Protein backbone atom coordinates (compact mmCIF):
# COMPACT_ATOMS: atom_id res chain seq x y z
CA MET A 1 -31.85 -1.64 -5.39
CA ILE A 2 -30.00 1.57 -6.15
CA ASP A 3 -31.38 5.08 -6.16
CA ALA A 4 -29.94 6.89 -9.21
CA ALA A 5 -28.71 10.39 -8.53
CA THR A 6 -30.47 12.07 -11.41
CA THR A 7 -31.04 15.78 -11.07
CA ALA A 8 -34.71 16.74 -10.93
CA PRO A 9 -36.00 19.89 -12.66
CA GLY A 10 -35.15 22.94 -10.59
CA ALA A 11 -32.49 21.11 -8.58
CA PRO A 12 -29.00 22.65 -8.24
CA ARG A 13 -26.72 22.07 -11.19
CA VAL A 14 -24.00 19.53 -10.56
CA GLU A 15 -21.59 20.64 -13.26
CA ARG A 16 -20.00 24.09 -12.99
CA ARG A 17 -17.81 24.34 -16.05
CA GLN A 18 -15.91 27.24 -17.48
CA ARG A 19 -16.17 28.11 -21.16
CA LEU A 20 -13.21 27.17 -23.32
CA SER A 21 -12.14 28.44 -26.71
CA ALA A 22 -13.06 26.51 -29.86
CA ALA A 23 -9.39 25.49 -30.27
CA ALA A 24 -9.23 24.20 -26.68
CA LEU A 25 -12.50 22.30 -27.05
CA ALA A 26 -11.25 20.66 -30.24
CA VAL A 27 -8.26 19.26 -28.30
CA ALA A 28 -10.21 18.43 -25.14
CA ASN A 29 -12.86 16.47 -27.07
CA GLN A 30 -10.32 14.12 -28.61
CA LYS A 31 -10.46 10.60 -27.24
CA VAL A 32 -7.44 10.08 -24.99
CA ARG A 33 -6.48 6.85 -23.26
CA ALA A 34 -4.84 6.57 -19.86
CA ALA A 35 -1.06 6.87 -19.83
CA TYR A 36 1.34 4.08 -18.96
CA SER A 37 4.33 4.93 -16.80
CA PRO A 38 7.68 4.34 -18.58
CA ILE A 39 9.26 3.78 -15.15
CA VAL A 40 6.80 0.99 -14.34
CA ILE A 41 7.15 -0.55 -17.81
CA ALA A 42 10.95 -0.65 -17.45
CA GLY A 43 10.60 -2.14 -13.97
CA VAL A 44 8.23 -4.86 -15.18
CA VAL A 45 10.62 -5.73 -18.03
CA ARG A 46 13.44 -6.15 -15.50
CA ILE A 47 11.26 -8.50 -13.45
CA VAL A 48 10.28 -10.52 -16.54
CA ASP A 49 13.95 -10.80 -17.54
CA LEU A 50 14.85 -12.08 -14.07
CA VAL A 51 12.05 -14.65 -14.04
CA LEU A 52 12.61 -15.74 -17.65
CA ILE A 53 16.37 -16.30 -17.33
CA ALA A 54 16.10 -18.04 -13.95
CA THR A 55 13.27 -20.28 -15.20
CA ILE A 56 15.14 -21.35 -18.35
CA GLY A 57 18.37 -22.05 -16.46
CA THR A 58 16.57 -24.02 -13.74
CA ALA A 59 14.39 -25.97 -16.18
CA LEU A 60 17.41 -27.06 -18.25
CA TYR A 61 19.30 -28.05 -15.10
CA LEU A 62 16.43 -30.14 -13.72
CA ALA A 63 15.76 -31.74 -17.12
CA TYR A 64 19.35 -32.87 -17.75
CA VAL A 65 21.97 -32.39 -15.03
CA ALA A 66 19.89 -33.16 -11.94
CA ARG A 67 18.56 -36.38 -13.47
CA ILE A 68 22.10 -37.70 -13.93
CA ASP A 69 24.18 -36.21 -11.10
CA GLY A 70 21.49 -35.44 -8.53
CA PHE A 71 20.48 -32.05 -7.14
CA SER A 72 23.23 -29.54 -6.30
CA TRP A 73 22.84 -26.11 -4.74
CA SER A 74 25.94 -24.89 -6.56
CA TYR A 75 24.01 -24.89 -9.83
CA VAL A 76 21.17 -22.95 -8.22
CA ALA A 77 23.66 -20.37 -6.97
CA ALA A 78 25.24 -20.17 -10.42
CA ILE A 79 21.86 -19.65 -12.11
CA LEU A 80 20.87 -16.91 -9.68
CA GLY A 81 24.26 -15.23 -10.01
CA MET A 82 24.11 -15.28 -13.81
CA THR A 83 20.52 -14.02 -13.79
CA VAL A 84 21.28 -11.02 -11.57
CA THR A 85 24.51 -10.27 -13.46
CA THR A 86 22.63 -10.34 -16.77
CA VAL A 87 20.05 -7.79 -15.61
CA MET A 88 22.84 -5.60 -14.24
CA CYS A 89 24.64 -5.78 -17.60
CA PHE A 90 21.42 -4.93 -19.44
CA GLN A 91 21.06 -1.94 -17.15
CA ALA A 92 24.67 -0.88 -17.85
CA ALA A 93 23.99 -1.28 -21.58
CA ASP A 94 21.08 1.18 -21.13
CA ILE A 95 18.44 -1.03 -22.73
CA TYR A 96 15.81 -0.57 -20.01
CA GLN A 97 14.27 2.48 -21.66
CA VAL A 98 10.96 2.72 -23.48
CA GLN A 99 12.66 4.45 -26.44
CA VAL A 100 15.01 1.45 -26.77
CA PHE A 101 12.10 -1.01 -26.49
CA ARG A 102 10.57 0.59 -29.61
CA GLY A 103 13.64 -0.15 -31.74
CA GLN A 104 15.02 -3.45 -32.91
CA LEU A 105 18.66 -3.37 -34.07
CA ARG A 106 19.90 -1.19 -31.21
CA GLN A 107 18.04 -3.27 -28.62
CA MET A 108 19.09 -6.66 -29.99
CA THR A 109 22.79 -5.90 -30.48
CA ARG A 110 23.15 -4.54 -26.95
CA MET A 111 21.20 -7.44 -25.44
CA ILE A 112 23.12 -10.17 -27.33
CA SER A 113 26.52 -8.66 -26.51
CA SER A 114 25.56 -8.32 -22.82
CA TRP A 115 24.29 -11.91 -22.70
CA ALA A 116 27.50 -13.19 -24.29
CA PHE A 117 29.58 -11.12 -21.87
CA VAL A 118 27.85 -12.73 -18.87
CA PHE A 119 28.67 -16.24 -20.13
CA LEU A 120 32.27 -15.32 -20.89
CA LEU A 121 32.51 -13.88 -17.38
CA PHE A 122 31.06 -17.07 -15.91
CA ILE A 123 33.43 -19.29 -17.92
CA GLY A 124 36.40 -17.15 -16.85
CA ALA A 125 35.37 -17.33 -13.19
CA SER A 126 34.94 -21.12 -13.42
CA PHE A 127 38.41 -21.47 -14.94
CA PHE A 128 40.18 -19.44 -12.24
CA LEU A 129 38.24 -21.18 -9.46
CA LYS A 130 39.05 -24.57 -11.03
CA LEU A 131 35.36 -25.47 -11.32
CA GLY A 132 35.38 -26.12 -15.07
CA GLY A 133 35.23 -29.90 -14.65
CA GLU A 134 32.20 -29.68 -12.38
CA ILE A 135 30.04 -27.65 -14.80
CA SER A 136 28.09 -29.47 -17.50
CA ARG A 137 29.14 -28.07 -20.88
CA LEU A 138 25.88 -29.26 -22.45
CA TRP A 139 23.85 -27.43 -19.80
CA LEU A 140 25.93 -24.27 -20.19
CA SER A 141 25.67 -24.20 -23.99
CA SER A 142 21.95 -25.03 -23.85
CA PHE A 143 21.41 -22.26 -21.31
CA PHE A 144 23.17 -19.78 -23.59
CA PHE A 145 21.24 -20.57 -26.77
CA VAL A 146 17.80 -21.31 -25.24
CA GLY A 147 18.10 -18.28 -22.95
CA LEU A 148 19.08 -16.08 -25.88
CA ALA A 149 16.13 -17.35 -27.91
CA GLY A 150 13.78 -16.65 -25.01
CA LEU A 151 15.13 -13.13 -24.53
CA ILE A 152 14.86 -12.35 -28.25
CA ALA A 153 11.28 -13.66 -28.40
CA PHE A 154 10.33 -11.57 -25.37
CA ARG A 155 11.94 -8.45 -26.82
CA LEU A 156 10.10 -8.89 -30.12
CA ALA A 157 6.79 -9.22 -28.30
CA LEU A 158 7.67 -6.23 -26.13
CA ARG A 159 8.53 -4.16 -29.22
CA THR A 160 5.11 -4.91 -30.69
CA LEU A 161 3.37 -3.94 -27.44
CA VAL A 162 5.33 -0.72 -26.96
CA ARG A 163 4.70 0.38 -30.53
CA ARG A 164 0.98 -0.26 -30.10
CA TRP A 165 0.95 1.75 -26.86
CA ALA A 166 2.83 4.55 -28.64
CA ARG A 167 0.23 4.63 -31.44
CA ASP A 168 -2.53 4.81 -28.83
CA GLY A 169 -0.81 7.74 -27.08
CA ARG A 170 -0.29 5.84 -23.84
CA LEU A 171 3.43 6.67 -23.75
CA ASP A 172 3.13 10.35 -24.68
CA ARG A 173 3.51 13.14 -22.14
CA ARG A 174 0.70 15.47 -23.10
CA THR A 175 2.20 18.91 -22.64
CA ILE A 176 1.00 22.51 -22.72
CA ILE A 177 3.29 25.52 -22.98
CA VAL A 178 2.69 28.73 -21.01
CA GLY A 179 3.91 31.72 -22.99
CA SER A 180 2.84 32.33 -26.58
CA ASP A 181 5.73 34.52 -27.73
CA GLU A 182 9.22 34.19 -29.17
CA ASN A 183 10.38 32.37 -26.02
CA GLY A 184 7.57 29.87 -26.48
CA GLU A 185 8.45 29.42 -30.14
CA LYS A 186 12.10 28.81 -29.30
CA LEU A 187 11.17 26.26 -26.63
CA ILE A 188 8.83 24.35 -28.96
CA HIS A 189 11.50 24.24 -31.68
CA LEU A 190 14.02 22.87 -29.16
CA LEU A 191 11.58 20.20 -27.97
CA ASN A 192 10.65 19.21 -31.52
CA ALA A 193 14.32 18.82 -32.42
CA GLU A 194 14.61 15.82 -30.06
CA PRO A 195 14.64 12.63 -32.19
CA ASP A 196 13.03 10.31 -29.60
CA SER A 197 10.85 12.82 -27.79
CA ASP A 198 7.81 11.48 -25.95
CA LEU A 199 6.19 14.93 -25.72
CA ASP A 200 2.88 15.66 -27.39
CA ILE A 201 2.61 19.46 -27.34
CA LEU A 202 -1.10 20.27 -27.42
CA GLY A 203 -0.88 24.05 -27.56
CA VAL A 204 0.00 27.23 -25.70
CA PHE A 205 -1.70 29.46 -23.15
CA ASP A 206 -1.06 33.16 -22.52
CA ASP A 207 -2.91 35.90 -20.63
CA ARG A 208 -1.71 38.73 -22.85
CA ASN A 209 -4.01 40.12 -25.52
CA ASP A 210 -1.50 42.45 -27.23
CA SER A 211 0.86 41.81 -30.14
CA ARG A 212 3.30 39.91 -27.90
CA ALA A 213 0.89 36.96 -27.61
CA LEU A 214 0.87 34.96 -30.85
CA ASP A 215 -2.27 33.20 -32.08
CA THR A 216 -0.11 30.30 -33.21
CA CYS A 217 3.24 29.53 -31.62
CA ALA A 218 5.64 27.41 -33.72
CA GLY A 219 2.62 25.84 -35.38
CA ARG A 220 0.79 25.17 -32.10
CA PRO A 221 -2.51 27.00 -31.49
CA LYS A 222 -3.15 29.38 -28.64
CA LEU A 223 -5.78 27.54 -26.60
CA GLY A 224 -6.70 30.21 -24.07
CA LYS A 225 -5.65 32.12 -20.98
CA ILE A 226 -4.09 30.86 -17.76
CA ASP A 227 -7.47 30.66 -16.02
CA ASP A 228 -8.56 28.22 -18.73
CA ILE A 229 -5.79 25.71 -17.98
CA VAL A 230 -7.49 24.33 -14.85
CA GLU A 231 -10.72 23.61 -16.73
CA PHE A 232 -8.83 22.32 -19.76
CA ALA A 233 -6.84 19.88 -17.60
CA ARG A 234 -10.07 18.54 -16.13
CA ARG A 235 -11.52 17.78 -19.55
CA THR A 236 -8.51 16.02 -21.03
CA ARG A 237 -5.33 14.33 -19.85
CA ILE A 238 -2.45 16.73 -19.18
CA ASP A 239 0.88 15.38 -17.92
CA LEU A 240 3.19 18.41 -18.05
CA VAL A 241 2.84 22.19 -17.88
CA LEU A 242 5.99 23.90 -19.13
CA PHE A 243 6.57 27.63 -18.62
CA ALA A 244 8.45 29.27 -21.47
CA MET A 245 8.79 32.58 -19.63
CA PRO A 246 12.15 33.67 -18.21
CA ILE A 247 12.63 33.37 -14.45
CA SER A 248 12.98 37.16 -14.34
CA ALA A 249 9.18 37.35 -14.85
CA GLU A 250 8.87 36.25 -11.22
CA MET A 251 5.63 38.01 -10.28
CA ARG A 252 3.76 36.80 -13.38
CA ILE A 253 4.92 33.25 -12.81
CA LEU A 254 3.93 33.29 -9.13
CA GLU A 255 0.44 34.57 -9.95
CA MET A 256 0.02 31.79 -12.48
CA LEU A 257 1.35 29.09 -10.15
CA LYS A 258 -1.19 30.09 -7.51
CA LYS A 259 -3.89 29.04 -9.97
CA LEU A 260 -2.23 25.90 -11.35
CA TRP A 261 -0.76 24.14 -8.30
CA VAL A 262 -4.10 22.46 -7.58
CA LEU A 263 -3.70 20.25 -10.67
CA PRO A 264 -2.26 16.69 -10.49
CA VAL A 265 0.39 17.41 -13.12
CA ASP A 266 4.12 18.14 -13.31
CA ILE A 267 4.81 21.88 -13.55
CA ARG A 268 8.27 23.03 -14.67
CA LEU A 269 9.98 26.28 -15.59
CA SER A 270 12.07 26.09 -18.73
CA ALA A 271 15.55 27.55 -18.31
CA HIS A 272 16.34 27.70 -22.03
CA THR A 273 16.34 31.53 -22.05
CA ASN A 274 17.99 32.17 -18.70
CA LYS A 275 21.33 33.92 -18.64
CA LEU A 276 21.78 32.97 -14.99
CA ARG A 277 22.86 29.34 -14.83
CA PHE A 278 22.51 27.14 -11.76
CA ARG A 279 24.54 24.07 -10.95
CA PRO A 280 23.75 21.15 -13.31
CA ARG A 281 22.23 19.16 -10.45
CA SER A 282 19.65 21.91 -9.94
CA TYR A 283 18.07 21.08 -13.28
CA SER A 284 15.96 18.26 -14.59
CA TYR A 285 15.83 17.83 -18.33
CA VAL A 286 13.04 17.52 -20.87
CA GLY A 287 15.10 16.13 -23.72
CA LYS A 288 18.06 18.49 -23.73
CA VAL A 289 16.10 21.47 -22.40
CA PRO A 290 17.04 22.34 -18.79
CA THR A 291 14.06 22.90 -16.50
CA LEU A 292 13.43 23.75 -12.86
CA ASP A 293 10.86 21.55 -11.12
CA VAL A 294 8.12 23.53 -9.37
CA PHE A 295 5.40 20.97 -8.63
CA GLU A 296 5.28 17.23 -9.23
CA ALA A 297 2.20 15.08 -9.65
CA PRO A 298 1.74 13.14 -6.37
CA ILE A 299 1.63 9.34 -6.08
CA THR A 300 2.86 8.33 -9.52
CA ASP A 301 4.72 5.41 -11.10
CA TRP A 302 5.45 2.59 -8.60
CA ASP A 303 3.76 4.51 -5.78
CA GLN A 304 0.55 4.46 -7.79
CA VAL A 305 0.92 0.74 -8.44
CA MET A 306 1.50 0.03 -4.75
CA LYS A 307 -1.47 2.13 -3.66
CA SER A 308 -3.74 0.50 -6.24
CA LEU A 309 -2.68 -2.99 -5.14
CA PHE A 310 -3.16 -2.05 -1.51
CA ASP A 311 -6.64 -0.66 -2.21
CA HIS A 312 -7.84 -3.70 -4.13
CA VAL A 313 -6.29 -6.41 -1.95
CA ALA A 314 -7.02 -4.82 1.44
CA GLY A 315 -10.37 -3.50 0.20
CA ALA A 316 -11.48 -6.97 -0.93
CA ILE A 317 -10.46 -8.50 2.42
CA ILE A 318 -12.30 -5.79 4.40
CA LEU A 319 -15.37 -6.14 2.18
CA LEU A 320 -15.43 -9.90 2.76
CA LEU A 321 -15.03 -9.50 6.53
CA LEU A 322 -17.71 -6.82 6.81
CA SER A 323 -20.25 -8.41 4.45
CA PRO A 324 -22.34 -9.88 7.34
CA VAL A 325 -22.53 -6.43 8.96
CA MET A 326 -23.50 -4.85 5.65
CA ALA A 327 -26.22 -7.46 5.15
CA LEU A 328 -27.70 -6.68 8.59
CA VAL A 329 -27.61 -2.93 7.92
CA ALA A 330 -29.34 -3.46 4.56
CA LEU A 331 -32.06 -5.54 6.22
CA ALA A 332 -32.61 -2.90 8.94
CA ILE A 333 -32.94 -0.12 6.34
CA LYS A 334 -35.44 -2.16 4.32
CA LEU A 335 -37.58 -2.87 7.39
CA ASP A 336 -37.38 0.69 8.70
CA SER A 337 -38.65 2.72 5.73
CA PRO A 338 -39.72 2.19 2.11
CA GLY A 339 -37.22 2.78 -0.68
CA PRO A 340 -33.95 1.38 -1.96
CA VAL A 341 -31.20 0.23 0.40
CA LEU A 342 -28.35 1.88 -1.46
CA PHE A 343 -28.06 5.51 -2.46
CA ARG A 344 -25.77 7.15 -5.03
CA GLN A 345 -24.47 10.63 -4.37
CA LYS A 346 -22.42 12.90 -6.63
CA ARG A 347 -19.00 13.61 -5.16
CA PHE A 348 -15.72 15.12 -6.28
CA GLY A 349 -13.22 12.48 -7.40
CA PHE A 350 -9.67 12.62 -8.72
CA ASN A 351 -8.94 15.88 -10.57
CA ASN A 352 -12.49 17.10 -9.88
CA GLU A 353 -14.06 14.25 -11.81
CA ARG A 354 -17.70 13.79 -10.78
CA ILE A 355 -18.20 10.28 -9.44
CA ASP A 356 -21.14 8.37 -7.99
CA VAL A 357 -20.38 7.26 -4.45
CA PHE A 358 -22.39 4.41 -2.93
CA LYS A 359 -23.86 4.81 0.55
CA PHE A 360 -26.51 3.12 2.63
CA ARG A 361 -29.66 5.22 2.46
CA SER A 362 -30.06 7.17 5.69
CA LEU A 363 -32.74 9.68 4.59
CA TYR A 364 -36.36 9.06 3.72
CA HIS A 365 -36.51 8.10 0.06
CA HIS A 366 -38.77 11.00 -0.99
CA GLN A 367 -36.34 13.48 0.62
CA ALA A 368 -33.23 12.14 -1.06
CA ASP A 369 -30.57 14.75 -1.80
CA PRO A 370 -28.17 13.30 -4.44
CA THR A 371 -26.09 16.49 -4.70
CA ALA A 372 -26.06 17.19 -0.92
CA ALA A 373 -27.24 20.73 -1.57
CA LYS A 374 -28.62 20.81 1.99
CA VAL A 375 -26.29 19.61 4.75
CA VAL A 376 -27.67 17.11 7.26
CA THR A 377 -27.83 18.81 10.66
CA LYS A 378 -28.55 17.70 14.22
CA ASN A 379 -32.09 16.28 14.64
CA ASP A 380 -32.66 16.60 10.88
CA PRO A 381 -36.24 15.34 10.20
CA ARG A 382 -35.12 13.83 6.88
CA VAL A 383 -33.01 11.17 8.65
CA THR A 384 -34.67 7.83 9.39
CA ARG A 385 -34.39 5.99 12.70
CA VAL A 386 -31.88 3.51 11.31
CA GLY A 387 -30.25 6.40 9.43
CA LYS A 388 -29.40 8.19 12.69
CA PHE A 389 -27.53 5.15 13.96
CA ILE A 390 -25.62 4.31 10.78
CA ARG A 391 -24.61 7.96 10.27
CA LYS A 392 -23.36 8.23 13.87
CA THR A 393 -21.31 5.06 13.50
CA SER A 394 -20.35 5.73 9.83
CA LEU A 395 -21.84 2.39 8.82
CA ASP A 396 -23.56 4.25 5.98
CA GLU A 397 -20.13 4.63 4.34
CA LEU A 398 -19.45 0.87 4.04
CA PRO A 399 -20.86 0.48 0.49
CA GLN A 400 -18.03 2.75 -0.66
CA LEU A 401 -15.95 -0.43 -0.54
CA PHE A 402 -17.72 -1.25 -3.84
CA ASN A 403 -16.26 1.98 -5.25
CA VAL A 404 -12.79 0.91 -4.12
CA VAL A 405 -12.81 -2.73 -5.21
CA PHE A 406 -15.01 -2.71 -8.32
CA LYS A 407 -15.13 0.83 -9.73
CA SER A 408 -11.62 1.95 -8.67
CA ASN A 409 -12.69 5.59 -8.30
CA LEU A 410 -12.09 5.65 -4.54
CA SER A 411 -9.17 4.60 -2.34
CA LEU A 412 -9.37 3.11 1.13
CA VAL A 413 -7.42 6.12 2.43
CA GLY A 414 -7.37 9.62 1.01
CA PRO A 415 -9.12 12.99 1.24
CA ARG A 416 -12.82 12.46 1.85
CA PRO A 417 -14.90 13.05 -1.30
CA HIS A 418 -17.08 16.05 -0.57
CA ALA A 419 -20.43 16.53 -2.27
CA VAL A 420 -20.29 18.67 -5.40
CA GLN A 421 -22.79 21.10 -3.90
CA GLY A 422 -21.15 21.16 -0.45
CA LYS A 423 -21.44 24.66 1.00
CA LEU A 424 -20.32 26.80 3.91
CA ASN A 425 -22.49 29.82 4.63
CA ALA A 426 -24.03 29.69 1.12
CA ARG A 427 -20.56 29.52 -0.49
CA LEU A 428 -19.29 26.40 -2.23
CA PHE A 429 -16.24 24.90 -0.52
CA ASP A 430 -13.86 25.86 -3.33
CA GLU A 431 -15.03 29.46 -2.99
CA ALA A 432 -14.61 29.42 0.79
CA VAL A 433 -11.09 27.94 1.00
CA ASP A 434 -8.09 28.94 -1.09
CA GLY A 435 -6.48 25.92 -2.77
CA TYR A 436 -9.43 23.65 -1.94
CA PHE A 437 -9.18 21.71 -5.20
CA ALA A 438 -5.56 20.73 -4.44
CA ARG A 439 -6.98 17.95 -2.28
CA HIS A 440 -8.29 16.36 -5.50
CA ARG A 441 -4.79 15.71 -6.86
CA VAL A 442 -5.19 12.12 -5.63
CA LYS A 443 -8.12 9.73 -5.44
CA PRO A 444 -10.46 10.43 -2.52
CA GLY A 445 -10.75 7.84 0.22
CA ILE A 446 -13.27 6.24 2.58
CA THR A 447 -11.19 7.44 5.52
CA GLY A 448 -8.36 9.90 5.77
CA TRP A 449 -5.79 11.77 7.84
CA ALA A 450 -8.26 14.57 8.57
CA GLN A 451 -10.95 12.15 9.77
CA ILE A 452 -8.78 10.31 12.30
CA ASN A 453 -7.64 13.68 13.66
CA GLY A 454 -11.21 14.66 14.51
CA TRP A 455 -12.20 16.62 11.39
CA ARG A 456 -15.23 14.63 10.27
CA GLY A 457 -18.97 15.17 10.20
CA GLU A 458 -20.82 18.45 9.75
CA ILE A 459 -18.94 21.46 8.38
CA ASP A 460 -20.57 24.51 9.96
CA ASN A 461 -17.66 26.93 10.27
CA GLU A 462 -14.61 27.98 8.28
CA GLU A 463 -12.09 26.32 10.61
CA LYS A 464 -13.52 22.85 9.95
CA ILE A 465 -13.15 23.03 6.19
CA GLN A 466 -9.75 24.73 6.40
CA LYS A 467 -8.46 22.05 8.77
CA ARG A 468 -9.72 19.30 6.48
CA VAL A 469 -7.88 20.82 3.55
CA GLU A 470 -4.74 21.33 5.66
CA PHE A 471 -4.68 17.70 6.84
CA ASP A 472 -5.54 16.38 3.38
CA LEU A 473 -2.64 18.27 1.80
CA TYR A 474 -0.30 16.93 4.49
CA TYR A 475 -1.43 13.40 3.64
CA ILE A 476 -0.85 13.92 -0.09
CA GLU A 477 2.68 15.23 0.44
CA ASN A 478 3.64 12.48 2.92
CA TRP A 479 1.87 9.42 1.51
CA SER A 480 3.24 5.93 1.98
CA VAL A 481 1.71 2.47 2.33
CA LEU A 482 2.65 2.46 6.02
CA PHE A 483 0.88 5.82 6.43
CA ASP A 484 -2.24 4.29 4.87
CA LEU A 485 -2.03 1.29 7.22
CA TYR A 486 -1.66 3.59 10.23
CA ILE A 487 -4.74 5.59 9.20
CA LEU A 488 -6.77 2.41 8.65
CA PHE A 489 -5.87 1.04 12.09
CA LYS A 490 -6.71 4.38 13.75
CA THR A 491 -10.06 4.76 11.95
CA PRO A 492 -12.15 2.51 14.28
CA LEU A 493 -10.93 4.54 17.28
CA ALA A 494 -11.74 7.82 15.53
CA LEU A 495 -15.29 6.60 14.84
CA LEU A 496 -15.95 6.42 18.57
CA LYS A 497 -15.98 10.22 18.59
CA THR A 498 -19.37 11.10 17.10
CA ASP A 499 -19.78 14.74 18.13
CA ASN A 500 -20.05 16.12 14.59
CA ALA A 501 -21.74 13.13 12.93
CA TYR A 502 -25.49 13.57 12.45
């Protein structure tokens, strides 16, 4: 049984949302699907090419040559060499780009010419090494034509997929411009001039209320002020924030960045108006527009894939191993006090999304606190007998493995998800600590860097919440799979220290 975290009349409000303009709400209310990483797509296509070519070459060899002449490792080496060379030639021909996947003629001509070049290279190498008599001409010609047919079929299917993803907006970088003036107009015109741009410019934001701030900038609406961007980015998917202001407006930019760095998005300064030019390597480019990177979204592309795989595979194994313990805890809770075994509590998730986190019930059912408006303290009368033990040992957190494996809104390792009504001296955590929401730039976790360093349990002074934020930000900036493994292995030792766990 599960206790739903519905808010009773008179209970603290869970949602604290800032008002947005009608134009911003119109954009934020549009249905937007999750984005697909072009880097991951290109990487997967490379892997498919490798597997497809090697499979065709090997299958043809086993079906014809090996049956007549017996097995030979030289053919295996030749197939692997040709496979790797083909992918390298495709890379040199620059066809591993999402924009190229969308087209047909450009993609096919480059692919066919590269494939033919590999076979000509192989034939030339065989001639000079005097191996021509040892290579089956039927196998080689079959490999060329069957392999080419397979590659063409795959590219046609890929083109259909990529075009569908493009229509669904999964390949767009949803972008907002900061600066609704002539600089903003110039930037938007430059971005729109790109023929294969993947940018979807949603609108502009500007704090100024005088004639310098345009209501529409190059046809894009002014959506609000800088303070509105944080709320706007939490209601809809934003991938890129691009400042159109010149670098000479240093103080204005710094004030704005202090508010925006907590978001899990790329933030760049456009250099299209700057008279001072840096070395080319100092810039990254959005189309042909030079930009200076300020903040990058953490754990993206292949890092995100690796972390997700780690969470689901390792999480499933841990859940299976701990299922007998969880069954015993559930039985003890049921025998100890009336009410459901599991409890759902509102917590902050990725990008401040409100999520339901599963826990074993440790309070008496009639005193449940789904928003954690009142912190559990030492000798709290609301805690049951079994609840005291499972809170001390953190066994009450084990059902969060369901969040990791099945709901995918938690990670095994990450910043701990605090309750949405978590407070310090009557102030909400985000009001007590500057930059608190920056810890929500990644998925929260069951355990984390702060927890294994002793910052777990009750938060009753400012140092405890500041240290948690400090350690969480360090984890975000230094994440790796090995770092996650280290934290997981250290977690059981950290649980032995129960001073702050009530």
